[in-house]
Amino acid sequence: MGRHIADKRAPSSGGRVKHFLRLARTPRETWYRPHTASGAKRVIQYLRIARGRVV
């Protein structure tokens, strides 16, 4: 029995994989968020609200 018509396409040149690997290897400055000193204050405010002390 032969293969289905959809299975008889030409092999790809690997363009998607090449593009994915190029993106994966580049530094991610746009996604990087440095942790600042405000992080500790944010945790304190979160804990205050979680304990029910809304001022």
N, C-alpha and C. Protein backbone atom coordinates (compact mmCIF):
# COMPACT_ATOMS: atom_id res chain seq x y z
N MET A 1 0.85 -1.17 0.00
CA MET A 1 0.00 0.00 0.00
C MET A 1 0.90 1.24 0.00
N GLY A 2 0.56 2.21 -0.82
CA GLY A 2 1.38 3.42 -0.95
C GLY A 2 1.09 4.43 0.14
N ARG A 3 1.92 5.44 0.16
CA ARG A 3 1.73 6.49 1.16
C ARG A 3 0.61 7.43 0.74
N HIS A 4 0.08 8.15 1.70
CA HIS A 4 -0.99 9.10 1.46
C HIS A 4 -0.46 10.28 0.65
N ILE A 5 -1.31 10.96 -0.07
CA ILE A 5 -0.92 12.10 -0.90
C ILE A 5 -0.25 13.19 -0.06
N ALA A 6 -0.75 13.43 1.15
CA ALA A 6 -0.18 14.46 2.01
C ALA A 6 1.24 14.12 2.46
N ASP A 7 1.61 12.85 2.43
CA ASP A 7 2.93 12.43 2.87
C ASP A 7 3.97 12.49 1.76
N LYS A 8 3.61 12.93 0.57
CA LYS A 8 4.52 12.93 -0.57
C LYS A 8 5.01 14.32 -0.93
N ARG A 9 5.26 15.15 0.07
CA ARG A 9 5.76 16.49 -0.24
C ARG A 9 7.28 16.49 -0.26
N ALA A 10 7.84 17.51 -0.87
CA ALA A 10 9.28 17.61 -0.99
C ALA A 10 9.89 17.92 0.37
N PRO A 11 11.08 17.42 0.66
CA PRO A 11 11.71 17.73 1.95
C PRO A 11 12.05 19.21 2.06
N SER A 12 11.93 19.73 3.26
CA SER A 12 12.21 21.15 3.47
C SER A 12 13.71 21.39 3.56
N SER A 13 14.07 22.66 3.44
CA SER A 13 15.49 23.02 3.52
C SER A 13 15.91 23.32 4.96
N GLY A 14 15.01 23.17 5.90
CA GLY A 14 15.35 23.40 7.31
C GLY A 14 15.34 24.87 7.70
N GLY A 15 14.59 25.69 6.99
CA GLY A 15 14.56 27.13 7.27
C GLY A 15 14.02 27.46 8.64
N ARG A 16 13.00 26.75 9.07
CA ARG A 16 12.41 27.01 10.39
C ARG A 16 13.40 26.71 11.50
N VAL A 17 14.08 25.58 11.36
CA VAL A 17 15.05 25.19 12.39
C VAL A 17 16.21 26.17 12.43
N LYS A 18 16.70 26.59 11.26
CA LYS A 18 17.79 27.56 11.21
C LYS A 18 17.40 28.86 11.88
N HIS A 19 16.19 29.34 11.61
CA HIS A 19 15.72 30.59 12.20
C HIS A 19 15.55 30.44 13.71
N PHE A 20 15.00 29.31 14.14
CA PHE A 20 14.83 29.07 15.58
C PHE A 20 16.17 29.05 16.29
N LEU A 21 17.14 28.36 15.73
CA LEU A 21 18.46 28.29 16.36
C LEU A 21 19.15 29.65 16.38
N ARG A 22 18.96 30.45 15.34
CA ARG A 22 19.55 31.78 15.32
C ARG A 22 18.96 32.63 16.43
N LEU A 23 17.65 32.54 16.64
CA LEU A 23 17.01 33.30 17.71
C LEU A 23 17.43 32.77 19.08
N ALA A 24 17.59 31.46 19.20
CA ALA A 24 17.95 30.87 20.49
C ALA A 24 19.37 31.23 20.89
N ARG A 25 20.24 31.47 19.93
CA ARG A 25 21.64 31.77 20.24
C ARG A 25 21.91 33.24 20.50
N THR A 26 21.01 34.12 20.09
CA THR A 26 21.23 35.54 20.29
C THR A 26 20.91 35.92 21.73
N PRO A 27 21.64 36.90 22.28
CA PRO A 27 21.33 37.35 23.65
C PRO A 27 19.93 37.95 23.72
N ARG A 28 19.30 37.79 24.84
CA ARG A 28 17.91 38.24 24.99
C ARG A 28 17.83 39.51 25.82
N GLU A 29 18.36 40.60 25.29
CA GLU A 29 18.31 41.86 26.03
C GLU A 29 16.87 42.34 26.21
N THR A 30 16.03 42.05 25.24
CA THR A 30 14.66 42.55 25.31
C THR A 30 13.85 41.82 26.39
N TRP A 31 14.23 40.58 26.72
CA TRP A 31 13.48 39.83 27.73
C TRP A 31 14.10 39.93 29.11
N TYR A 32 15.30 40.49 29.19
CA TYR A 32 15.99 40.54 30.47
C TYR A 32 15.50 41.73 31.28
N ARG A 33 15.07 41.50 32.50
CA ARG A 33 14.67 42.57 33.41
C ARG A 33 15.55 42.49 34.64
N PRO A 34 16.41 43.47 34.85
CA PRO A 34 17.28 43.42 36.02
C PRO A 34 16.47 43.57 37.30
N HIS A 35 16.87 42.86 38.32
CA HIS A 35 16.20 42.97 39.61
C HIS A 35 16.70 44.22 40.32
N THR A 36 15.78 45.07 40.67
CA THR A 36 16.14 46.32 41.30
C THR A 36 15.83 46.24 42.80
N ALA A 37 16.16 47.30 43.50
CA ALA A 37 15.90 47.35 44.94
C ALA A 37 14.41 47.40 45.24
N SER A 38 13.60 47.79 44.27
CA SER A 38 12.16 47.86 44.51
C SER A 38 11.54 46.48 44.66
N GLY A 39 12.27 45.43 44.32
CA GLY A 39 11.75 44.08 44.45
C GLY A 39 11.45 43.72 45.89
N ALA A 40 12.33 44.12 46.81
CA ALA A 40 12.11 43.83 48.23
C ALA A 40 10.90 44.59 48.74
N LYS A 41 10.75 45.83 48.31
CA LYS A 41 9.59 46.62 48.73
C LYS A 41 8.29 46.00 48.22
N ARG A 42 8.36 45.48 47.01
CA ARG A 42 7.17 44.86 46.43
C ARG A 42 6.76 43.63 47.22
N VAL A 43 7.73 42.85 47.67
CA VAL A 43 7.43 41.66 48.48
C VAL A 43 6.82 42.07 49.81
N ILE A 44 7.35 43.12 50.42
CA ILE A 44 6.81 43.61 51.70
C ILE A 44 5.37 44.06 51.54
N GLN A 45 5.09 44.78 50.45
CA GLN A 45 3.71 45.23 50.21
C GLN A 45 2.79 44.04 49.95
N TYR A 46 3.26 43.05 49.21
CA TYR A 46 2.45 41.87 48.94
C TYR A 46 2.12 41.14 50.25
N LEU A 47 3.11 40.97 51.11
CA LEU A 47 2.87 40.27 52.37
C LEU A 47 1.92 41.06 53.27
N ARG A 48 2.04 42.39 53.24
CA ARG A 48 1.16 43.22 54.04
C ARG A 48 -0.29 43.05 53.59
N ILE A 49 -0.50 43.03 52.27
CA ILE A 49 -1.85 42.87 51.75
C ILE A 49 -2.36 41.47 52.03
N ALA A 50 -1.49 40.46 51.89
CA ALA A 50 -1.89 39.07 52.12
C ALA A 50 -2.29 38.84 53.57
N ARG A 51 -1.68 39.57 54.50
CA ARG A 51 -2.03 39.44 55.91
C ARG A 51 -3.29 40.21 56.27
N GLY A 52 -3.79 41.00 55.34
CA GLY A 52 -5.03 41.73 55.58
C GLY A 52 -4.84 43.12 56.12
N ARG A 53 -3.62 43.62 56.13
CA ARG A 53 -3.34 44.96 56.62
C ARG A 53 -3.35 45.97 55.48
N VAL A 54 -4.52 46.34 55.06
CA VAL A 54 -4.65 47.30 53.97
C VAL A 54 -4.74 48.69 54.59
N VAL A 55 -3.74 49.50 54.33
CA VAL A 55 -3.69 50.84 54.92
C VAL A 55 -3.92 51.87 53.86
